Amino acid sequence: MKQDKKKAALLMITAAFCYALVAAIVKSIDGIPVFEKLFFRTAFGTVFIVAVVAKNRIPWKGNNRIGLVARGVTGFFAAVLYYLALTEAPIADTVTITNTYPFLVLLLSAFFLKERIRSYHLVALALSFAGALLIIRPGFDDLNPYHLVALGGSVFLAITYTILKHVRETDSAEVLILYY
């Protein structure tokens, strides 16, 4: 059990590092359109996940096709808006704004999945939101229109995660990734 926790922590740290690395790469590549950046990001990931699905003989169609397609569409819009914001706004602001999606997931889960919001959720939500506001320094003189693009990406990411919470009950992790 202790080994599983160490492995999980290491995987979380690795994922966070990769997420930051992708943001830095997207930000640093000038002259390549956003959709081209997304194409190559998706192409490499698709080759890998298709190989895993084929090797493990997992049915690729999935069980909840409407949910999987909805997750794919909302995930696509989240990625487009995130990459666009990364290209045009400061990286710290973009990443911070995009990472407000858990606030929205909490609200969407309560509304659509009928999950109960407890008082400590609301306290954590308020503190986290206040922290995000401190980082992004809201003010009209610093407002970049791409901050709103990043916020739109956060909304689509929250919708994606809310759908994911529903479809993970019917489909494997590999199929969920394949539809992303």
C-alpha atoms as a PDB file:
ATOM      1  CA  MET A   1       0.000   0.000   0.000  1.00  0.00           C
ATOM      2  CA  LYS A   2       2.807   2.405   0.898  1.00  0.00           C
ATOM      3  CA  GLN A   3       4.516   1.639  -2.427  1.00  0.00           C
ATOM      4  CA  ASP A   4       1.283   2.472  -4.313  1.00  0.00           C
ATOM      5  CA  LYS A   5       1.134   5.894  -2.657  1.00  0.00           C
ATOM      6  CA  LYS A   6       4.742   6.595  -3.605  1.00  0.00           C
ATOM      7  CA  LYS A   7       4.082   5.515  -7.170  1.00  0.00           C
ATOM      8  CA  ALA A   8       0.935   7.667  -7.340  1.00  0.00           C
ATOM      9  CA  ALA A   9       2.811  10.702  -5.982  1.00  0.00           C
ATOM     10  CA  LEU A  10       5.627  10.180  -8.489  1.00  0.00           C
ATOM     11  CA  LEU A  11       3.132   9.896 -11.347  1.00  0.00           C
ATOM     12  CA  MET A  12       1.366  13.093 -10.231  1.00  0.00           C
ATOM     13  CA  ILE A  13       4.652  14.990 -10.062  1.00  0.00           C
ATOM     14  CA  THR A  14       5.641  13.643 -13.488  1.00  0.00           C
ATOM     15  CA  ALA A  15       2.275  14.657 -14.958  1.00  0.00           C
ATOM     16  CA  ALA A  16       2.567  18.169 -13.513  1.00  0.00           C
ATOM     17  CA  PHE A  17       6.082  18.479 -14.951  1.00  0.00           C
ATOM     18  CA  CYS A  18       4.890  17.310 -18.379  1.00  0.00           C
ATOM     19  CA  TYR A  19       1.948  19.722 -18.262  1.00  0.00           C
ATOM     20  CA  ALA A  20       4.332  22.613 -17.498  1.00  0.00           C
ATOM     21  CA  LEU A  21       6.739  21.452 -20.196  1.00  0.00           C
ATOM     22  CA  VAL A  22       3.984  21.371 -22.822  1.00  0.00           C
ATOM     23  CA  ALA A  23       2.868  24.878 -21.836  1.00  0.00           C
ATOM     24  CA  ALA A  24       6.451  26.147 -22.142  1.00  0.00           C
ATOM     25  CA  ILE A  25       6.922  24.476 -25.528  1.00  0.00           C
ATOM     26  CA  VAL A  26       3.630  25.811 -26.892  1.00  0.00           C
ATOM     27  CA  LYS A  27       4.516  29.296 -25.650  1.00  0.00           C
ATOM     28  CA  SER A  28       8.028  29.201 -27.112  1.00  0.00           C
ATOM     29  CA  ILE A  29       7.097  28.010 -30.607  1.00  0.00           C
ATOM     30  CA  ASP A  30       6.417  31.103 -32.689  1.00  0.00           C
ATOM     31  CA  GLY A  31       5.261  31.115 -36.269  1.00  0.00           C
ATOM     32  CA  ILE A  32       3.279  27.876 -36.090  1.00  0.00           C
ATOM     33  CA  PRO A  33      -0.517  28.212 -36.028  1.00  0.00           C
ATOM     34  CA  VAL A  34      -2.375  26.969 -32.964  1.00  0.00           C
ATOM     35  CA  PHE A  35      -4.188  24.240 -34.907  1.00  0.00           C
ATOM     36  CA  GLU A  36      -0.898  22.905 -36.230  1.00  0.00           C
ATOM     37  CA  LYS A  37       0.515  22.727 -32.696  1.00  0.00           C
ATOM     38  CA  LEU A  38      -2.617  20.886 -31.594  1.00  0.00           C
ATOM     39  CA  PHE A  39      -2.447  18.524 -34.549  1.00  0.00           C
ATOM     40  CA  PHE A  40       1.053  17.348 -33.674  1.00  0.00           C
ATOM     41  CA  ARG A  41       0.273  17.108 -29.972  1.00  0.00           C
ATOM     42  CA  THR A  42      -2.767  14.973 -30.793  1.00  0.00           C
ATOM     43  CA  ALA A  43      -1.033  12.895 -33.465  1.00  0.00           C
ATOM     44  CA  PHE A  44       1.756  11.756 -31.137  1.00  0.00           C
ATOM     45  CA  GLY A  45      -0.688  10.954 -28.355  1.00  0.00           C
ATOM     46  CA  THR A  46      -3.032   9.094 -30.700  1.00  0.00           C
ATOM     47  CA  VAL A  47      -0.258   6.861 -32.069  1.00  0.00           C
ATOM     48  CA  PHE A  48       0.696   5.893 -28.519  1.00  0.00           C
ATOM     49  CA  ILE A  49      -2.840   5.236 -27.233  1.00  0.00           C
ATOM     50  CA  VAL A  50      -3.896   3.319 -30.369  1.00  0.00           C
ATOM     51  CA  ALA A  51      -0.885   1.041 -29.830  1.00  0.00           C
ATOM     52  CA  VAL A  52      -1.903   0.459 -26.197  1.00  0.00           C
ATOM     53  CA  VAL A  53      -5.543  -0.221 -27.150  1.00  0.00           C
ATOM     54  CA  ALA A  54      -4.489  -2.638 -29.918  1.00  0.00           C
ATOM     55  CA  LYS A  55      -1.913  -4.442 -27.763  1.00  0.00           C
ATOM     56  CA  ASN A  56      -4.416  -4.983 -24.951  1.00  0.00           C
ATOM     57  CA  ARG A  57      -7.234  -5.817 -27.411  1.00  0.00           C
ATOM     58  CA  ILE A  58      -9.552  -3.245 -25.901  1.00  0.00           C
ATOM     59  CA  PRO A  59     -12.684  -2.523 -27.965  1.00  0.00           C
ATOM     60  CA  TRP A  60     -12.041   1.021 -29.233  1.00  0.00           C
ATOM     61  CA  LYS A  61     -15.669   1.982 -29.867  1.00  0.00           C
ATOM     62  CA  GLY A  62     -16.511   2.263 -26.195  1.00  0.00           C
ATOM     63  CA  ASN A  63     -19.851   1.737 -24.482  1.00  0.00           C
ATOM     64  CA  ASN A  64     -21.082   5.285 -23.950  1.00  0.00           C
ATOM     65  CA  ARG A  65     -20.427   6.744 -27.399  1.00  0.00           C
ATOM     66  CA  ILE A  66     -22.436   9.920 -26.863  1.00  0.00           C
ATOM     67  CA  GLY A  67     -20.529  10.647 -23.649  1.00  0.00           C
ATOM     68  CA  LEU A  68     -17.191   9.798 -25.280  1.00  0.00           C
ATOM     69  CA  VAL A  69     -17.841  12.044 -28.281  1.00  0.00           C
ATOM     70  CA  ALA A  70     -19.051  14.846 -25.994  1.00  0.00           C
ATOM     71  CA  ARG A  71     -15.868  14.469 -23.936  1.00  0.00           C
ATOM     72  CA  GLY A  72     -13.792  14.591 -27.115  1.00  0.00           C
ATOM     73  CA  VAL A  73     -15.544  17.687 -28.480  1.00  0.00           C
ATOM     74  CA  THR A  74     -15.363  19.638 -25.222  1.00  0.00           C
ATOM     75  CA  GLY A  75     -11.770  18.521 -24.706  1.00  0.00           C
ATOM     76  CA  PHE A  76     -10.915  19.747 -28.210  1.00  0.00           C
ATOM     77  CA  PHE A  77     -12.390  23.192 -27.528  1.00  0.00           C
ATOM     78  CA  ALA A  78     -10.603  23.334 -24.170  1.00  0.00           C
ATOM     79  CA  ALA A  79      -7.277  22.537 -25.851  1.00  0.00           C
ATOM     80  CA  VAL A  80      -7.811  25.043 -28.689  1.00  0.00           C
ATOM     81  CA  LEU A  81      -8.627  27.844 -26.273  1.00  0.00           C
ATOM     82  CA  TYR A  82      -5.750  26.910 -23.948  1.00  0.00           C
ATOM     83  CA  TYR A  83      -3.192  26.833 -26.780  1.00  0.00           C
ATOM     84  CA  LEU A  84      -4.524  30.087 -28.207  1.00  0.00           C
ATOM     85  CA  ALA A  85      -4.287  31.790 -24.809  1.00  0.00           C
ATOM     86  CA  LEU A  86      -0.788  30.378 -24.241  1.00  0.00           C
ATOM     87  CA  THR A  87       0.299  31.805 -27.566  1.00  0.00           C
ATOM     88  CA  GLU A  88      -1.011  35.323 -26.899  1.00  0.00           C
ATOM     89  CA  ALA A  89      -1.062  35.905 -23.119  1.00  0.00           C
ATOM     90  CA  PRO A  90       1.553  35.561 -20.384  1.00  0.00           C
ATOM     91  CA  ILE A  91       2.112  31.887 -19.565  1.00  0.00           C
ATOM     92  CA  ALA A  92       1.633  32.309 -15.798  1.00  0.00           C
ATOM     93  CA  ASP A  93      -1.714  34.055 -16.279  1.00  0.00           C
ATOM     94  CA  THR A  94      -2.906  31.488 -18.817  1.00  0.00           C
ATOM     95  CA  VAL A  95      -1.990  28.482 -16.685  1.00  0.00           C
ATOM     96  CA  THR A  96      -3.483  30.046 -13.542  1.00  0.00           C
ATOM     97  CA  ILE A  97      -6.746  30.987 -15.241  1.00  0.00           C
ATOM     98  CA  THR A  98      -7.053  27.601 -16.923  1.00  0.00           C
ATOM     99  CA  ASN A  99      -6.451  25.869 -13.606  1.00  0.00           C
ATOM    100  CA  THR A 100      -9.600  27.430 -12.182  1.00  0.00           C
ATOM    101  CA  TYR A 101     -11.507  24.531 -13.775  1.00  0.00           C
ATOM    102  CA  PRO A 102     -11.869  22.610 -10.461  1.00  0.00           C
ATOM    103  CA  PHE A 103     -14.111  25.423  -9.161  1.00  0.00           C
ATOM    104  CA  LEU A 104     -16.348  24.952 -12.157  1.00  0.00           C
ATOM    105  CA  VAL A 105     -16.246  21.138 -11.915  1.00  0.00           C
ATOM    106  CA  LEU A 106     -17.539  21.410  -8.355  1.00  0.00           C
ATOM    107  CA  LEU A 107     -20.476  23.510  -9.504  1.00  0.00           C
ATOM    108  CA  LEU A 108     -21.189  21.439 -12.632  1.00  0.00           C
ATOM    109  CA  SER A 109     -21.025  18.181 -10.659  1.00  0.00           C
ATOM    110  CA  ALA A 110     -23.534  19.503  -8.171  1.00  0.00           C
ATOM    111  CA  PHE A 111     -25.888  20.628 -10.926  1.00  0.00           C
ATOM    112  CA  PHE A 112     -25.576  17.814 -13.483  1.00  0.00           C
ATOM    113  CA  LEU A 113     -24.413  14.823 -11.435  1.00  0.00           C
ATOM    114  CA  LYS A 114     -26.423  15.778  -8.327  1.00  0.00           C
ATOM    115  CA  GLU A 115     -23.344  15.634  -6.110  1.00  0.00           C
ATOM    116  CA  ARG A 116     -23.642  17.324  -2.752  1.00  0.00           C
ATOM    117  CA  ILE A 117     -21.543  20.404  -2.049  1.00  0.00           C
ATOM    118  CA  ARG A 118     -20.509  20.533   1.580  1.00  0.00           C
ATOM    119  CA  SER A 119     -19.531  23.642   3.524  1.00  0.00           C
ATOM    120  CA  TYR A 120     -15.817  22.765   3.459  1.00  0.00           C
ATOM    121  CA  HIS A 121     -16.050  22.564  -0.354  1.00  0.00           C
ATOM    122  CA  LEU A 122     -17.338  26.126  -0.404  1.00  0.00           C
ATOM    123  CA  VAL A 123     -14.562  27.323   1.926  1.00  0.00           C
ATOM    124  CA  ALA A 124     -11.914  25.622  -0.245  1.00  0.00           C
ATOM    125  CA  LEU A 125     -13.560  27.065  -3.350  1.00  0.00           C
ATOM    126  CA  ALA A 126     -13.509  30.617  -1.946  1.00  0.00           C
ATOM    127  CA  LEU A 127      -9.887  30.381  -0.755  1.00  0.00           C
ATOM    128  CA  SER A 128      -8.693  28.883  -4.034  1.00  0.00           C
ATOM    129  CA  PHE A 129     -10.534  31.452  -6.088  1.00  0.00           C
ATOM    130  CA  ALA A 130      -9.095  34.282  -3.966  1.00  0.00           C
ATOM    131  CA  GLY A 131      -5.609  32.850  -4.508  1.00  0.00           C
ATOM    132  CA  ALA A 132      -6.154  32.684  -8.252  1.00  0.00           C
ATOM    133  CA  LEU A 133      -7.324  36.304  -8.265  1.00  0.00           C
ATOM    134  CA  LEU A 134      -4.172  37.373  -6.427  1.00  0.00           C
ATOM    135  CA  ILE A 135      -2.003  35.640  -9.018  1.00  0.00           C
ATOM    136  CA  ILE A 136      -3.757  36.997 -12.110  1.00  0.00           C
ATOM    137  CA  ARG A 137      -4.127  40.532 -10.678  1.00  0.00           C
ATOM    138  CA  PRO A 138      -7.541  41.428 -12.031  1.00  0.00           C
ATOM    139  CA  GLY A 139      -7.711  44.966 -13.248  1.00  0.00           C
ATOM    140  CA  PHE A 140      -8.771  46.677 -16.419  1.00  0.00           C
ATOM    141  CA  ASP A 141      -5.322  48.115 -17.135  1.00  0.00           C
ATOM    142  CA  ASP A 142      -3.704  44.643 -17.250  1.00  0.00           C
ATOM    143  CA  LEU A 143      -6.641  42.871 -18.866  1.00  0.00           C
ATOM    144  CA  ASN A 144      -5.645  40.968 -21.970  1.00  0.00           C
ATOM    145  CA  PRO A 145      -8.520  39.670 -24.151  1.00  0.00           C
ATOM    146  CA  TYR A 146      -6.757  36.312 -24.162  1.00  0.00           C
ATOM    147  CA  HIS A 147      -7.396  36.056 -20.413  1.00  0.00           C
ATOM    148  CA  LEU A 148     -11.048  35.548 -21.403  1.00  0.00           C
ATOM    149  CA  VAL A 149      -9.946  32.951 -23.960  1.00  0.00           C
ATOM    150  CA  ALA A 150      -8.129  31.103 -21.150  1.00  0.00           C
ATOM    151  CA  LEU A 151     -11.260  31.346 -19.011  1.00  0.00           C
ATOM    152  CA  GLY A 152     -13.276  29.853 -21.879  1.00  0.00           C
ATOM    153  CA  GLY A 153     -10.741  27.015 -22.010  1.00  0.00           C
ATOM    154  CA  SER A 154     -11.243  26.497 -18.288  1.00  0.00           C
ATOM    155  CA  VAL A 155     -15.017  26.288 -18.768  1.00  0.00           C
ATOM    156  CA  PHE A 156     -14.649  23.661 -21.501  1.00  0.00           C
ATOM    157  CA  LEU A 157     -12.105  21.768 -19.406  1.00  0.00           C
ATOM    158  CA  ALA A 158     -14.550  21.714 -16.491  1.00  0.00           C
ATOM    159  CA  ILE A 159     -17.287  20.385 -18.766  1.00  0.00           C
ATOM    160  CA  THR A 160     -14.846  17.759 -20.065  1.00  0.00           C
ATOM    161  CA  TYR A 161     -13.971  16.583 -16.544  1.00  0.00           C
ATOM    162  CA  THR A 162     -17.619  16.510 -15.516  1.00  0.00           C
ATOM    163  CA  ILE A 163     -18.437  14.326 -18.534  1.00  0.00           C
ATOM    164  CA  LEU A 164     -15.380  12.194 -17.756  1.00  0.00           C
ATOM    165  CA  LYS A 165     -16.661  11.531 -14.263  1.00  0.00           C
ATOM    166  CA  HIS A 166     -19.828  10.131 -15.831  1.00  0.00           C
ATOM    167  CA  VAL A 167     -18.317   8.055 -18.685  1.00  0.00           C
ATOM    168  CA  ARG A 168     -15.536   6.504 -16.623  1.00  0.00           C
ATOM    169  CA  GLU A 169     -18.186   4.222 -15.146  1.00  0.00           C
ATOM    170  CA  THR A 170     -18.819   2.608 -18.553  1.00  0.00           C
ATOM    171  CA  ASP A 171     -15.477   2.768 -20.377  1.00  0.00           C
ATOM    172  CA  SER A 172     -11.820   1.969 -19.739  1.00  0.00           C
ATOM    173  CA  ALA A 173      -9.183   4.629 -19.177  1.00  0.00           C
ATOM    174  CA  GLU A 174      -7.575   3.748 -22.511  1.00  0.00           C
ATOM    175  CA  VAL A 175     -10.828   4.351 -24.423  1.00  0.00           C
ATOM    176  CA  LEU A 176     -11.381   7.622 -22.547  1.00  0.00           C
ATOM    177  CA  ILE A 177      -7.928   8.815 -23.596  1.00  0.00           C
ATOM    178  CA  LEU A 178      -8.477   7.628 -27.173  1.00  0.00           C
ATOM    179  CA  TYR A 179     -11.554   9.817 -27.505  1.00  0.00           C
ATOM    180  CA  TYR A 180      -9.650  12.851 -26.225  1.00  0.00           C
END
